[in-house]
């Protein structure tokens, strides 16, 4: 299991760590219109999943903005998701206030289904650990990053390169 800290305090990640070469685990989350979304809604596409603790923090804000900017240059066969525990209403408000149009924000607040399936649910905080997953059209995980310190940025360049090479 990945070792992760949040504000330099160790946290317990719930679920199994997802590894390169494995099939993308299914999940059930809520979109900004309160509709249910699962992995099947994105199957057959190249997918970058950006996981953040909360959009209302500086690093999470910057991470989502960066992937939103980059997503504009990808074709229709690429989907960029940002998943957090933020309520769908807050995600929708944040996206509207910040001009986020190329990233789909999804909330795991209801069941923590994504967090458990991808091994990123921080037990002590009931937030998701900062992480990145790239999945190809066949549903195989081709890149993972579990950011060791939750207040640090992920390696944007490596994640984007992993997506571009699909």
N, C-alpha and C. Protein backbone atom coordinates (compact mmCIF):
# COMPACT_ATOMS: atom_id res chain seq x y z
N UNK A 1 0.83 -1.18 0.00
CA UNK A 1 0.00 0.00 0.00
C UNK A 1 0.88 1.25 0.00
N UNK A 2 0.41 2.28 -0.68
CA UNK A 2 1.16 3.53 -0.74
C UNK A 2 1.22 4.17 0.65
N UNK A 3 2.36 4.77 0.96
CA UNK A 3 2.51 5.52 2.21
C UNK A 3 2.25 6.99 1.91
N UNK A 4 1.25 7.54 2.58
CA UNK A 4 0.83 8.91 2.33
C UNK A 4 0.72 9.65 3.65
N UNK A 5 1.11 10.92 3.60
CA UNK A 5 0.90 11.81 4.74
C UNK A 5 0.02 12.97 4.28
N UNK A 6 -0.61 13.61 5.25
CA UNK A 6 -1.40 14.80 4.97
C UNK A 6 -1.03 15.83 6.03
N UNK A 7 -0.46 16.93 5.59
CA UNK A 7 0.12 17.95 6.47
C UNK A 7 1.14 17.25 7.40
N UNK A 8 1.94 16.39 6.78
CA UNK A 8 3.03 15.65 7.42
C UNK A 8 2.58 14.63 8.47
N UNK A 9 1.31 14.34 8.56
CA UNK A 9 0.80 13.32 9.47
C UNK A 9 0.43 12.07 8.66
N UNK A 10 0.91 10.90 9.06
CA UNK A 10 0.56 9.67 8.34
C UNK A 10 -0.95 9.43 8.35
N UNK A 11 -1.45 8.94 7.23
CA UNK A 11 -2.87 8.58 7.13
C UNK A 11 -2.98 7.14 6.65
N UNK A 12 -4.11 6.53 6.96
CA UNK A 12 -4.40 5.16 6.55
C UNK A 12 -5.26 5.22 5.30
N UNK A 13 -4.77 4.61 4.22
CA UNK A 13 -5.56 4.55 3.00
C UNK A 13 -6.40 3.28 3.01
N UNK A 14 -7.68 3.45 2.75
CA UNK A 14 -8.63 2.34 2.72
C UNK A 14 -8.75 1.84 1.28
N UNK A 15 -8.74 0.54 1.11
CA UNK A 15 -8.87 -0.06 -0.21
C UNK A 15 -7.53 -0.57 -0.70
N UNK A 16 -7.56 -1.15 -1.89
CA UNK A 16 -6.36 -1.73 -2.49
C UNK A 16 -5.69 -0.73 -3.42
N UNK A 17 -4.38 -0.68 -3.36
CA UNK A 17 -3.63 0.18 -4.27
C UNK A 17 -3.81 -0.32 -5.70
N UNK A 18 -4.08 0.58 -6.61
CA UNK A 18 -4.22 0.25 -8.02
C UNK A 18 -2.84 0.29 -8.66
N UNK A 19 -2.51 -0.72 -9.44
CA UNK A 19 -1.18 -0.80 -10.04
C UNK A 19 -1.27 -0.77 -11.56
N UNK A 20 -0.18 -0.34 -12.18
CA UNK A 20 -0.08 -0.31 -13.63
C UNK A 20 -0.27 -1.73 -14.15
N UNK A 21 -1.08 -1.86 -15.18
CA UNK A 21 -1.36 -3.17 -15.78
C UNK A 21 -2.65 -3.79 -15.31
N UNK A 22 -3.20 -3.27 -14.22
CA UNK A 22 -4.46 -3.82 -13.72
C UNK A 22 -5.64 -3.20 -14.47
N UNK A 23 -6.78 -3.86 -14.38
CA UNK A 23 -8.01 -3.31 -14.94
C UNK A 23 -8.50 -2.18 -14.05
N UNK A 24 -9.03 -1.13 -14.66
CA UNK A 24 -9.57 -0.01 -13.88
C UNK A 24 -10.74 -0.49 -13.05
N UNK A 25 -10.68 -0.31 -11.74
CA UNK A 25 -11.79 -0.74 -10.88
C UNK A 25 -13.05 0.08 -11.17
N UNK A 26 -14.19 -0.55 -11.00
CA UNK A 26 -15.45 0.16 -11.16
C UNK A 26 -15.67 1.05 -9.93
N UNK A 27 -16.51 2.04 -10.07
CA UNK A 27 -16.85 2.94 -8.98
C UNK A 27 -18.21 3.56 -9.24
N UNK A 28 -18.76 4.18 -8.21
CA UNK A 28 -20.05 4.87 -8.33
C UNK A 28 -19.89 6.23 -7.66
N UNK A 29 -20.04 7.31 -8.44
CA UNK A 29 -19.89 8.67 -7.95
C UNK A 29 -21.09 9.50 -8.42
N UNK A 30 -21.12 10.77 -8.04
CA UNK A 30 -22.23 11.65 -8.39
C UNK A 30 -21.69 12.83 -9.19
N UNK A 31 -22.38 13.15 -10.30
CA UNK A 31 -21.96 14.30 -11.10
C UNK A 31 -22.61 15.59 -10.57
N UNK A 32 -22.31 16.70 -11.19
CA UNK A 32 -22.79 18.00 -10.72
C UNK A 32 -24.30 18.17 -10.84
N UNK A 33 -24.95 17.31 -11.61
CA UNK A 33 -26.41 17.34 -11.72
C UNK A 33 -27.07 16.29 -10.85
N UNK A 34 -26.31 15.70 -9.95
CA UNK A 34 -26.76 14.65 -9.02
C UNK A 34 -27.04 13.31 -9.68
N UNK A 35 -26.55 13.15 -10.91
CA UNK A 35 -26.69 11.88 -11.60
C UNK A 35 -25.55 10.94 -11.21
N UNK A 36 -25.85 9.66 -11.20
CA UNK A 36 -24.86 8.65 -10.85
C UNK A 36 -23.97 8.36 -12.06
N UNK A 37 -22.68 8.25 -11.82
CA UNK A 37 -21.72 7.90 -12.86
C UNK A 37 -20.90 6.72 -12.35
N UNK A 38 -20.56 5.82 -13.26
CA UNK A 38 -19.70 4.68 -12.94
C UNK A 38 -18.58 4.63 -13.97
N UNK A 39 -17.65 3.71 -13.77
CA UNK A 39 -16.55 3.57 -14.73
C UNK A 39 -17.10 3.32 -16.13
N UNK A 40 -18.18 2.59 -16.24
CA UNK A 40 -18.74 2.23 -17.55
C UNK A 40 -19.11 3.46 -18.38
N UNK A 41 -19.40 4.59 -17.73
CA UNK A 41 -19.73 5.82 -18.46
C UNK A 41 -18.53 6.38 -19.22
N UNK A 42 -17.32 5.93 -18.90
CA UNK A 42 -16.12 6.46 -19.53
C UNK A 42 -15.34 5.38 -20.27
N UNK A 43 -15.84 4.16 -20.24
CA UNK A 43 -15.17 3.03 -20.89
C UNK A 43 -15.02 3.29 -22.39
N UNK A 44 -13.92 2.82 -22.95
CA UNK A 44 -13.65 2.99 -24.37
C UNK A 44 -12.94 4.29 -24.70
N UNK A 45 -12.69 5.12 -23.70
CA UNK A 45 -11.98 6.39 -23.88
C UNK A 45 -10.63 6.32 -23.16
N UNK A 46 -9.75 7.23 -23.51
CA UNK A 46 -8.53 7.44 -22.75
C UNK A 46 -8.94 8.35 -21.59
N UNK A 47 -8.59 7.98 -20.37
CA UNK A 47 -9.07 8.71 -19.20
C UNK A 47 -7.90 9.08 -18.28
N UNK A 48 -7.87 10.34 -17.89
CA UNK A 48 -6.97 10.79 -16.83
C UNK A 48 -7.87 11.14 -15.64
N UNK A 49 -7.62 10.48 -14.52
CA UNK A 49 -8.37 10.76 -13.30
C UNK A 49 -7.46 11.52 -12.34
N UNK A 50 -7.85 12.74 -12.05
CA UNK A 50 -7.13 13.60 -11.11
C UNK A 50 -7.92 13.59 -9.81
N UNK A 51 -7.29 13.10 -8.75
CA UNK A 51 -7.97 12.98 -7.46
C UNK A 51 -7.43 14.05 -6.52
N UNK A 52 -8.35 14.79 -5.89
CA UNK A 52 -7.97 15.88 -4.99
C UNK A 52 -8.75 15.79 -3.68
N UNK A 53 -8.16 16.25 -2.57
CA UNK A 53 -8.90 16.27 -1.31
C UNK A 53 -10.10 17.23 -1.34
N UNK A 54 -9.90 18.47 -1.82
CA UNK A 54 -10.99 19.45 -1.90
C UNK A 54 -10.64 20.56 -2.86
N UNK A 55 -11.57 20.89 -3.75
CA UNK A 55 -11.34 21.95 -4.72
C UNK A 55 -11.13 23.31 -4.07
N UNK A 56 -11.54 23.47 -2.83
CA UNK A 56 -11.43 24.74 -2.13
C UNK A 56 -10.07 24.97 -1.49
N UNK A 57 -9.06 24.23 -1.89
CA UNK A 57 -7.71 24.45 -1.37
C UNK A 57 -6.79 24.83 -2.52
N UNK A 58 -5.71 25.49 -2.21
CA UNK A 58 -4.82 26.03 -3.24
C UNK A 58 -4.24 25.01 -4.20
N UNK A 59 -3.70 23.91 -3.68
CA UNK A 59 -3.07 22.92 -4.55
C UNK A 59 -4.13 22.21 -5.40
N UNK A 60 -5.27 21.89 -4.80
CA UNK A 60 -6.34 21.21 -5.54
C UNK A 60 -6.89 22.12 -6.64
N UNK A 61 -7.03 23.39 -6.33
CA UNK A 61 -7.47 24.40 -7.29
C UNK A 61 -6.48 24.43 -8.45
N UNK A 62 -5.20 24.55 -8.16
CA UNK A 62 -4.17 24.63 -9.19
C UNK A 62 -4.12 23.35 -10.03
N UNK A 63 -4.25 22.21 -9.38
CA UNK A 63 -4.21 20.93 -10.08
C UNK A 63 -5.36 20.82 -11.07
N UNK A 64 -6.54 21.19 -10.65
CA UNK A 64 -7.71 21.09 -11.52
C UNK A 64 -7.63 22.10 -12.66
N UNK A 65 -7.16 23.30 -12.36
CA UNK A 65 -6.98 24.31 -13.42
C UNK A 65 -5.97 23.83 -14.46
N UNK A 66 -4.87 23.25 -14.00
CA UNK A 66 -3.82 22.78 -14.93
C UNK A 66 -4.37 21.71 -15.85
N UNK A 67 -5.07 20.73 -15.30
CA UNK A 67 -5.61 19.67 -16.15
C UNK A 67 -6.74 20.19 -17.04
N UNK A 68 -7.48 21.19 -16.59
CA UNK A 68 -8.51 21.81 -17.43
C UNK A 68 -7.86 22.47 -18.65
N UNK A 69 -6.77 23.20 -18.44
CA UNK A 69 -6.06 23.84 -19.54
C UNK A 69 -5.52 22.81 -20.53
N UNK A 70 -4.90 21.77 -19.99
CA UNK A 70 -4.31 20.74 -20.84
C UNK A 70 -5.39 19.95 -21.59
N UNK A 71 -6.53 19.72 -20.97
CA UNK A 71 -7.60 18.92 -21.58
C UNK A 71 -8.13 19.57 -22.84
N UNK A 72 -8.03 20.88 -22.94
CA UNK A 72 -8.52 21.59 -24.12
C UNK A 72 -7.79 21.15 -25.39
N UNK A 73 -6.56 20.64 -25.25
CA UNK A 73 -5.77 20.25 -26.42
C UNK A 73 -5.97 18.79 -26.82
N UNK A 74 -6.71 18.03 -26.03
CA UNK A 74 -6.95 16.63 -26.35
C UNK A 74 -8.22 16.47 -27.16
N UNK A 75 -8.32 15.38 -27.89
CA UNK A 75 -9.49 15.13 -28.72
C UNK A 75 -10.66 14.56 -27.93
N UNK A 76 -11.70 14.22 -28.67
CA UNK A 76 -12.93 13.69 -28.07
C UNK A 76 -12.76 12.30 -27.47
N UNK A 77 -11.65 11.63 -27.80
CA UNK A 77 -11.42 10.29 -27.26
C UNK A 77 -10.74 10.33 -25.90
N UNK A 78 -10.53 11.54 -25.34
CA UNK A 78 -9.89 11.70 -24.04
C UNK A 78 -10.86 12.38 -23.08
N UNK A 79 -10.92 11.84 -21.86
CA UNK A 79 -11.76 12.41 -20.80
C UNK A 79 -10.86 12.68 -19.60
N UNK A 80 -11.01 13.87 -19.03
CA UNK A 80 -10.27 14.21 -17.81
C UNK A 80 -11.30 14.39 -16.70
N UNK A 81 -11.13 13.59 -15.65
CA UNK A 81 -12.04 13.63 -14.50
C UNK A 81 -11.29 14.18 -13.29
N UNK A 82 -11.97 14.97 -12.49
CA UNK A 82 -11.46 15.35 -11.17
C UNK A 82 -12.45 14.80 -10.17
N UNK A 83 -11.96 13.99 -9.24
CA UNK A 83 -12.82 13.37 -8.25
C UNK A 83 -12.39 13.82 -6.86
N UNK A 84 -13.37 14.23 -6.06
CA UNK A 84 -13.12 14.66 -4.68
C UNK A 84 -14.32 14.29 -3.83
N UNK A 85 -14.21 14.56 -2.55
CA UNK A 85 -15.32 14.36 -1.62
C UNK A 85 -16.21 15.60 -1.52
N UNK A 86 -15.87 16.66 -2.25
CA UNK A 86 -16.70 17.86 -2.24
C UNK A 86 -18.11 17.52 -2.68
N UNK A 87 -19.09 18.22 -2.13
CA UNK A 87 -20.47 18.02 -2.56
C UNK A 87 -20.63 18.45 -4.01
N UNK A 88 -21.52 17.81 -4.77
CA UNK A 88 -21.72 18.19 -6.17
C UNK A 88 -22.08 19.67 -6.35
N UNK A 89 -22.82 20.23 -5.40
CA UNK A 89 -23.21 21.64 -5.49
C UNK A 89 -21.98 22.53 -5.41
N UNK A 90 -21.06 22.19 -4.51
CA UNK A 90 -19.83 22.96 -4.36
C UNK A 90 -18.95 22.82 -5.61
N UNK A 91 -18.88 21.61 -6.16
CA UNK A 91 -18.09 21.40 -7.37
C UNK A 91 -18.65 22.24 -8.52
N UNK A 92 -19.96 22.22 -8.68
CA UNK A 92 -20.59 22.99 -9.76
C UNK A 92 -20.33 24.48 -9.59
N UNK A 93 -20.48 24.98 -8.37
CA UNK A 93 -20.23 26.39 -8.09
C UNK A 93 -18.78 26.74 -8.39
N UNK A 94 -17.85 25.90 -7.92
CA UNK A 94 -16.43 26.16 -8.12
C UNK A 94 -16.08 26.17 -9.61
N UNK A 95 -16.58 25.20 -10.35
CA UNK A 95 -16.31 25.14 -11.80
C UNK A 95 -16.84 26.39 -12.50
N UNK A 96 -18.07 26.80 -12.16
CA UNK A 96 -18.65 27.98 -12.77
C UNK A 96 -17.87 29.24 -12.45
N UNK A 97 -17.44 29.37 -11.22
CA UNK A 97 -16.70 30.57 -10.79
C UNK A 97 -15.30 30.62 -11.40
N UNK A 98 -14.76 29.46 -11.80
CA UNK A 98 -13.38 29.40 -12.28
C UNK A 98 -13.25 29.05 -13.76
N UNK A 99 -14.37 29.00 -14.49
CA UNK A 99 -14.33 28.74 -15.92
C UNK A 99 -13.83 27.36 -16.29
N UNK A 100 -14.11 26.39 -15.46
CA UNK A 100 -13.66 25.01 -15.73
C UNK A 100 -14.68 24.34 -16.65
N UNK A 101 -14.25 24.07 -17.88
CA UNK A 101 -15.17 23.51 -18.87
C UNK A 101 -14.68 22.23 -19.51
N UNK A 102 -13.41 21.90 -19.32
CA UNK A 102 -12.82 20.75 -20.02
C UNK A 102 -12.60 19.54 -19.11
N UNK A 103 -12.84 19.72 -17.82
CA UNK A 103 -12.69 18.65 -16.84
C UNK A 103 -14.08 18.33 -16.28
N UNK A 104 -14.36 17.07 -16.10
CA UNK A 104 -15.61 16.66 -15.47
C UNK A 104 -15.34 16.44 -13.99
N UNK A 105 -16.03 17.19 -13.13
CA UNK A 105 -15.86 17.00 -11.69
C UNK A 105 -16.93 16.04 -11.19
N UNK A 106 -16.48 15.12 -10.34
CA UNK A 106 -17.35 14.09 -9.78
C UNK A 106 -17.15 14.01 -8.28
N UNK A 107 -18.23 13.75 -7.56
CA UNK A 107 -18.19 13.69 -6.10
C UNK A 107 -18.30 12.25 -5.61
N UNK A 108 -17.42 11.91 -4.69
CA UNK A 108 -17.41 10.58 -4.06
C UNK A 108 -18.00 10.66 -2.65
N UNK A 109 -18.68 11.77 -2.33
CA UNK A 109 -19.14 12.02 -0.96
C UNK A 109 -20.14 10.99 -0.46
N UNK A 110 -20.96 10.46 -1.34
CA UNK A 110 -22.06 9.59 -0.91
C UNK A 110 -21.59 8.24 -0.37
N UNK A 111 -20.82 7.51 -1.16
CA UNK A 111 -20.46 6.13 -0.81
C UNK A 111 -18.97 5.90 -0.60
N UNK A 112 -18.14 6.87 -0.96
CA UNK A 112 -16.68 6.68 -0.96
C UNK A 112 -16.30 5.47 -1.83
N UNK A 113 -17.10 5.19 -2.83
CA UNK A 113 -16.90 4.06 -3.72
C UNK A 113 -15.59 4.17 -4.50
N UNK A 114 -15.34 5.36 -5.06
CA UNK A 114 -14.10 5.55 -5.80
C UNK A 114 -12.90 5.43 -4.85
N UNK A 115 -12.98 6.13 -3.73
CA UNK A 115 -11.87 6.13 -2.78
C UNK A 115 -11.46 4.73 -2.36
N UNK A 116 -12.43 3.89 -2.06
CA UNK A 116 -12.13 2.51 -1.65
C UNK A 116 -11.63 1.68 -2.83
N UNK A 117 -12.25 1.83 -4.01
CA UNK A 117 -11.86 1.04 -5.17
C UNK A 117 -10.44 1.34 -5.64
N UNK A 118 -10.01 2.59 -5.47
CA UNK A 118 -8.68 3.00 -5.95
C UNK A 118 -7.66 3.15 -4.81
N UNK A 119 -8.06 2.81 -3.60
CA UNK A 119 -7.14 2.84 -2.47
C UNK A 119 -6.67 4.23 -2.09
N UNK A 120 -7.56 5.23 -2.21
CA UNK A 120 -7.18 6.61 -1.91
C UNK A 120 -8.03 7.27 -0.82
N UNK A 121 -8.90 6.51 -0.18
CA UNK A 121 -9.73 7.07 0.89
C UNK A 121 -8.91 7.17 2.16
N UNK A 122 -8.70 8.40 2.63
CA UNK A 122 -7.96 8.61 3.88
C UNK A 122 -8.93 8.39 5.04
N UNK A 123 -8.73 7.30 5.75
CA UNK A 123 -9.64 6.88 6.82
C UNK A 123 -9.84 7.96 7.87
N UNK A 124 -8.77 8.57 8.32
CA UNK A 124 -8.84 9.54 9.41
C UNK A 124 -9.57 10.82 9.03
N UNK A 125 -9.57 11.18 7.76
CA UNK A 125 -10.13 12.47 7.32
C UNK A 125 -11.38 12.34 6.46
N UNK A 126 -11.66 11.14 5.98
CA UNK A 126 -12.72 10.89 5.00
C UNK A 126 -12.61 11.85 3.81
N UNK A 127 -11.38 12.03 3.38
CA UNK A 127 -11.05 12.77 2.16
C UNK A 127 -10.28 11.82 1.25
N UNK A 128 -10.14 12.20 -0.01
CA UNK A 128 -9.38 11.39 -0.95
C UNK A 128 -7.94 11.89 -1.02
N UNK A 129 -7.00 10.96 -1.07
CA UNK A 129 -5.59 11.30 -1.17
C UNK A 129 -5.28 11.75 -2.60
N UNK A 130 -4.45 12.78 -2.70
CA UNK A 130 -4.07 13.31 -4.01
C UNK A 130 -3.39 12.21 -4.83
N UNK A 131 -3.91 11.99 -6.02
CA UNK A 131 -3.38 10.92 -6.86
C UNK A 131 -3.80 11.15 -8.30
N UNK A 132 -3.14 10.43 -9.20
CA UNK A 132 -3.43 10.50 -10.64
C UNK A 132 -3.47 9.08 -11.19
N UNK A 133 -4.44 8.83 -12.06
CA UNK A 133 -4.54 7.54 -12.74
C UNK A 133 -4.78 7.81 -14.23
N UNK A 134 -4.05 7.11 -15.08
CA UNK A 134 -4.27 7.18 -16.52
C UNK A 134 -4.70 5.79 -16.97
N UNK A 135 -5.77 5.75 -17.74
CA UNK A 135 -6.37 4.48 -18.15
C UNK A 135 -6.58 4.50 -19.66
N UNK A 136 -6.21 3.43 -20.33
CA UNK A 136 -6.34 3.39 -21.79
C UNK A 136 -7.75 2.96 -22.22
N UNK A 137 -7.96 2.92 -23.53
CA UNK A 137 -9.29 2.61 -24.08
C UNK A 137 -9.76 1.20 -23.72
N UNK A 138 -8.83 0.31 -23.43
CA UNK A 138 -9.18 -1.06 -23.06
C UNK A 138 -9.48 -1.19 -21.56
N UNK A 139 -9.40 -0.07 -20.84
CA UNK A 139 -9.69 -0.10 -19.41
C UNK A 139 -8.53 -0.56 -18.55
N UNK A 140 -7.31 -0.52 -19.10
CA UNK A 140 -6.11 -0.91 -18.35
C UNK A 140 -5.43 0.33 -17.78
N UNK A 141 -5.02 0.23 -16.54
CA UNK A 141 -4.30 1.32 -15.89
C UNK A 141 -2.88 1.35 -16.44
N UNK A 142 -2.49 2.51 -16.99
CA UNK A 142 -1.16 2.64 -17.59
C UNK A 142 -0.23 3.55 -16.79
N UNK A 143 -0.79 4.29 -15.83
CA UNK A 143 0.02 5.20 -15.01
C UNK A 143 -0.70 5.44 -13.70
N UNK A 144 0.06 5.45 -12.61
CA UNK A 144 -0.50 5.82 -11.31
C UNK A 144 0.50 6.70 -10.58
N UNK A 145 -0.02 7.61 -9.79
CA UNK A 145 0.81 8.39 -8.86
C UNK A 145 -0.01 8.61 -7.60
N UNK A 146 0.48 8.07 -6.51
CA UNK A 146 -0.07 8.36 -5.18
C UNK A 146 0.89 9.39 -4.59
N UNK A 147 0.48 10.64 -4.54
CA UNK A 147 1.38 11.71 -4.08
C UNK A 147 1.69 11.47 -2.60
N UNK A 148 2.97 11.34 -2.24
CA UNK A 148 3.34 10.96 -0.87
C UNK A 148 2.88 11.94 0.21
N UNK A 149 2.88 13.23 -0.08
CA UNK A 149 2.40 14.24 0.87
C UNK A 149 1.21 14.94 0.23
N UNK A 150 0.07 14.82 0.86
CA UNK A 150 -1.19 15.31 0.30
C UNK A 150 -1.26 16.78 -0.01
N UNK A 151 -0.35 17.58 0.55
CA UNK A 151 -0.38 19.02 0.26
C UNK A 151 0.58 19.40 -0.86
N UNK A 152 1.25 18.40 -1.46
CA UNK A 152 2.17 18.64 -2.58
C UNK A 152 1.46 18.43 -3.91
N UNK A 153 2.03 19.01 -4.96
CA UNK A 153 1.51 18.84 -6.31
C UNK A 153 1.90 17.47 -6.86
N UNK A 154 1.08 16.93 -7.77
CA UNK A 154 1.49 15.70 -8.47
C UNK A 154 2.52 16.07 -9.55
N UNK A 155 3.06 15.07 -10.21
CA UNK A 155 3.98 15.29 -11.32
C UNK A 155 3.14 15.44 -12.59
N UNK A 156 2.76 16.68 -12.87
CA UNK A 156 1.88 16.96 -14.02
C UNK A 156 2.49 16.46 -15.33
N UNK A 157 3.76 16.74 -15.54
CA UNK A 157 4.39 16.39 -16.81
C UNK A 157 4.38 14.89 -17.06
N UNK A 158 4.69 14.11 -16.04
CA UNK A 158 4.69 12.64 -16.21
C UNK A 158 3.28 12.12 -16.49
N UNK A 159 2.28 12.66 -15.80
CA UNK A 159 0.90 12.21 -16.01
C UNK A 159 0.44 12.56 -17.42
N UNK A 160 0.74 13.77 -17.85
CA UNK A 160 0.32 14.21 -19.20
C UNK A 160 1.06 13.43 -20.28
N UNK A 161 2.31 13.13 -20.05
CA UNK A 161 3.07 12.32 -21.01
C UNK A 161 2.48 10.92 -21.10
N UNK A 162 2.10 10.36 -19.97
CA UNK A 162 1.47 9.03 -19.96
C UNK A 162 0.18 9.03 -20.77
N UNK A 163 -0.57 10.11 -20.68
CA UNK A 163 -1.82 10.22 -21.43
C UNK A 163 -1.54 10.40 -22.92
N UNK A 164 -0.55 11.22 -23.26
CA UNK A 164 -0.22 11.49 -24.66
C UNK A 164 0.31 10.26 -25.38
N UNK A 165 0.95 9.34 -24.65
CA UNK A 165 1.53 8.17 -25.29
C UNK A 165 0.53 7.05 -25.52
N UNK A 166 -0.71 7.23 -25.08
CA UNK A 166 -1.73 6.19 -25.29
C UNK A 166 -2.12 6.15 -26.77
